[in-house]
Protein backbone atom coordinates (compact mmCIF):
# COMPACT_ATOMS: atom_id res chain seq x y z
CA MET A 1 15.60 21.31 36.94
CA LEU A 2 17.94 23.57 34.99
CA ARG A 3 17.12 23.92 31.30
CA LEU A 4 20.01 24.53 28.92
CA GLU A 5 20.26 25.34 25.24
CA ALA A 6 22.39 23.37 22.79
CA THR A 7 24.41 26.55 22.23
CA GLU A 8 25.70 26.29 25.82
CA LEU A 9 28.25 23.61 24.90
CA THR A 10 30.92 24.77 27.35
CA LYS A 11 28.46 24.64 30.26
CA ILE A 12 27.15 21.21 29.17
CA VAL A 13 30.71 19.86 28.98
CA ARG A 14 31.52 21.21 32.47
CA ILE A 15 28.36 19.63 33.91
CA LEU A 16 29.20 16.24 32.38
CA GLU A 17 32.84 16.46 33.48
CA ALA A 18 31.58 17.07 37.04
CA GLY A 19 29.79 13.71 36.97
CA ALA A 20 26.22 14.78 36.26
CA VAL A 21 23.50 13.22 34.13
CA ILE A 22 21.91 15.34 31.41
CA ALA A 23 18.80 14.76 29.32
CA LEU A 24 19.31 15.79 25.71
CA PRO A 25 17.94 15.19 22.22
CA THR A 26 19.58 12.25 20.46
CA ASP A 27 19.23 10.60 17.07
CA THR A 28 16.15 8.68 18.18
CA VAL A 29 14.54 10.05 21.38
CA TYR A 30 15.43 12.21 24.34
CA GLY A 31 18.21 10.43 26.19
CA LEU A 32 19.85 10.45 29.58
CA VAL A 33 23.63 10.64 29.20
CA CYS A 34 26.76 10.83 31.29
CA LYS A 35 30.45 10.14 30.74
CA PHE A 36 30.76 6.42 30.08
CA ASP A 37 33.56 5.98 32.62
CA GLN A 38 31.90 7.68 35.61
CA VAL A 39 30.27 4.87 37.57
CA SER A 40 28.47 7.16 40.03
CA ALA A 41 26.83 9.04 37.15
CA ILE A 42 25.85 5.74 35.50
CA GLU A 43 24.25 4.68 38.79
CA LYS A 44 22.30 7.95 38.77
CA ILE A 45 20.83 7.09 35.35
CA TYR A 46 19.48 3.89 36.89
CA LEU A 47 18.06 5.87 39.81
CA ILE A 48 16.42 8.49 37.58
CA LYS A 49 14.86 5.89 35.27
CA GLN A 50 14.09 3.40 38.04
CA ARG A 51 15.74 0.95 35.65
CA PRO A 52 16.55 -2.61 36.70
CA VAL A 53 20.30 -2.98 37.18
CA THR A 54 20.15 -6.15 35.09
CA LYS A 55 19.58 -4.06 31.94
CA PRO A 56 22.80 -2.54 30.53
CA LEU A 57 23.13 0.95 29.12
CA GLN A 58 24.51 1.68 25.67
CA ILE A 59 27.50 3.79 24.67
CA LEU A 60 27.30 6.70 22.23
CA VAL A 61 30.43 7.47 20.23
CA SER A 62 31.07 10.07 17.54
CA ASN A 63 32.72 7.71 15.04
CA TRP A 64 33.68 4.10 14.41
CA GLN A 65 37.29 4.70 15.49
CA GLN A 66 36.05 5.47 18.99
CA ALA A 67 33.98 2.27 18.87
CA LYS A 68 37.13 0.34 17.93
CA ASN A 69 38.82 1.69 21.06
CA LEU A 70 36.08 0.18 23.25
CA ALA A 71 35.01 -2.99 21.48
CA VAL A 72 36.16 -5.70 19.12
CA ILE A 73 35.03 -4.51 15.70
CA ASP A 74 36.76 -4.92 12.37
CA ASP A 75 36.75 -2.72 9.30
CA GLN A 76 34.69 -5.24 7.31
CA LEU A 77 31.83 -5.05 9.82
CA ILE A 78 32.03 -1.26 9.88
CA HIS A 79 31.84 -1.20 6.08
CA GLU A 80 28.79 -3.50 6.10
CA LEU A 81 27.04 -1.40 8.75
CA GLU A 82 27.74 1.83 6.90
CA LYS A 83 26.26 0.34 3.70
CA LYS A 84 23.13 -0.92 5.44
CA PHE A 85 22.41 1.81 8.03
CA SER A 86 22.61 5.58 8.10
CA PRO A 87 24.62 7.06 10.99
CA GLY A 88 22.64 7.07 14.21
CA LYS A 89 20.27 4.36 13.02
CA VAL A 90 21.98 1.22 14.34
CA THR A 91 23.13 0.09 17.75
CA VAL A 92 25.68 -2.72 17.53
CA ILE A 93 26.23 -5.39 20.16
CA LEU A 94 29.94 -6.16 20.41
CA LYS A 95 32.53 -7.84 22.61
CA PRO A 96 34.22 -5.26 24.86
CA LYS A 97 37.96 -4.79 24.63
CA PRO A 98 39.99 -5.80 27.71
CA ALA A 99 40.39 -2.13 28.70
CA MET A 100 36.64 -2.01 29.43
CA ILE A 101 37.11 -4.64 32.13
CA LYS A 102 38.92 -2.03 34.25
CA ASN A 103 35.66 -0.10 34.66
CA ASP A 104 33.47 -1.19 37.59
CA TYR A 105 30.29 -0.81 35.55
CA TRP A 106 31.20 -2.15 32.10
CA ASN A 107 33.18 -5.13 33.41
CA GLN A 108 29.98 -6.92 34.47
CA TRP A 109 28.71 -7.31 30.89
CA ASP A 110 29.85 -9.93 28.39
CA ASN A 111 28.78 -7.63 25.53
CA ILE A 112 28.30 -3.90 25.07
CA ALA A 113 25.99 -1.94 22.80
CA ILE A 114 27.48 0.97 20.85
CA ARG A 115 25.85 3.51 18.56
CA VAL A 116 27.66 6.05 16.41
CA THR A 117 25.59 9.20 16.75
CA ALA A 118 24.58 11.27 13.73
CA SER A 119 23.95 14.29 15.94
CA THR A 120 26.65 16.91 15.40
CA PHE A 121 25.66 18.40 18.78
CA ILE A 122 26.35 15.11 20.58
CA GLN A 123 29.50 14.56 18.51
CA LYS A 124 30.82 17.90 19.80
CA ILE A 125 30.08 16.86 23.38
CA ILE A 126 31.82 13.50 22.86
CA ASP A 127 34.83 15.25 21.31
CA HIS A 128 35.23 17.10 24.64
CA VAL A 129 34.30 14.46 27.24
CA GLY A 130 34.66 11.13 25.45
CA PRO A 131 32.02 8.46 24.87
CA LEU A 132 28.69 8.72 26.69
CA ALA A 133 26.72 6.10 28.57
CA ALA A 134 23.11 6.51 27.47
CA SER A 135 19.55 5.37 27.90
CA SER A 136 16.19 6.75 26.86
CA CYS A 137 14.84 9.59 29.01
CA ASN A 138 11.81 8.01 30.61
CA LEU A 139 10.88 5.91 33.58
CA SER A 140 11.58 2.24 32.98
CA GLN A 141 8.66 0.53 31.19
CA GLU A 142 7.19 3.87 30.03
CA SER A 143 7.22 5.36 26.54
CA PRO A 144 10.26 7.35 25.40
CA ILE A 145 10.04 11.13 25.44
CA ASN A 146 10.47 13.19 22.28
CA GLU A 147 10.09 16.74 23.64
CA SER A 148 11.98 18.47 26.43
CA SER A 149 8.79 20.07 27.76
CA LYS A 150 7.47 16.60 28.65
CA ILE A 151 10.47 15.67 30.82
CA ASN A 152 9.63 15.62 34.50
CA LEU A 153 11.82 13.01 36.13
CA PRO A 154 12.68 13.13 39.84
CA ASN A 155 16.43 13.42 40.52
CA LEU A 156 17.18 14.83 37.04
CA ASP A 157 18.95 18.17 37.31
CA TYR A 158 19.70 19.14 33.69
CA VAL A 159 17.76 19.15 30.42
CA VAL A 160 19.03 20.47 27.09
CA ASN A 161 16.28 21.89 24.89
CA GLY A 162 16.34 20.80 21.28
CA LYS A 163 14.92 18.54 18.63
CA ILE A 164 15.60 14.86 18.15
CA ILE A 165 16.84 13.85 14.72
CA ASN A 166 14.49 10.93 14.09
CA GLY A 167 11.68 9.72 16.34
CA LYS A 168 12.28 6.06 15.49
CA ALA A 169 14.29 3.68 17.66
CA SER A 170 17.55 2.51 16.15
CA ALA A 171 17.95 -0.94 14.69
CA VAL A 172 19.92 -3.31 16.91
CA TYR A 173 22.46 -5.58 15.25
CA ASN A 174 24.14 -8.36 17.20
CA SER A 175 27.58 -8.70 15.64
CA LEU A 176 28.21 -11.90 17.61
CA THR A 177 25.27 -13.82 16.15
CA LYS A 178 25.15 -11.73 12.96
CA THR A 179 21.43 -11.06 13.42
CA ILE A 180 19.26 -7.98 13.51
CA ILE A 181 17.42 -8.02 16.84
CA ARG A 182 15.31 -4.94 16.13
CA ASN A 183 14.79 -3.31 12.77
């Protein structure tokens, strides 16, 4: 497993562009990420985590405008979310836009989960490669990992050393039912 530093942004971008999965510190826990539109990399996240294919991944974006490009979300909802939650602290379940149906992974889901990251490091990555498919960096059904030194997952090739912003899982808001699923 190759360990990288957050200062190696150019190398991290190249690795993601090549279709790899990287573990890195997020707003909440260490996450496994790849470009959201690379189906083979998304499949690798499932392999690494031993995650059931019936559980969808989420998408990390750097701002609400990017979210609007992927899902049906209006300015009123964005305003309400910004008033109620700090950046990085809410994952929103939304209807995907028709363009998402063109992707062989995202087209199987009726809804998608999107989180605007508060991490400037992840925002920089997204600015280069676009939105990221993401999941927590742990085997399915095991506790999330908060330190890079504790990551030891088979089939994971890259880990970025760093600190997570907040060790608490994000709230989950279902915009379709207008309910908070997890607070």
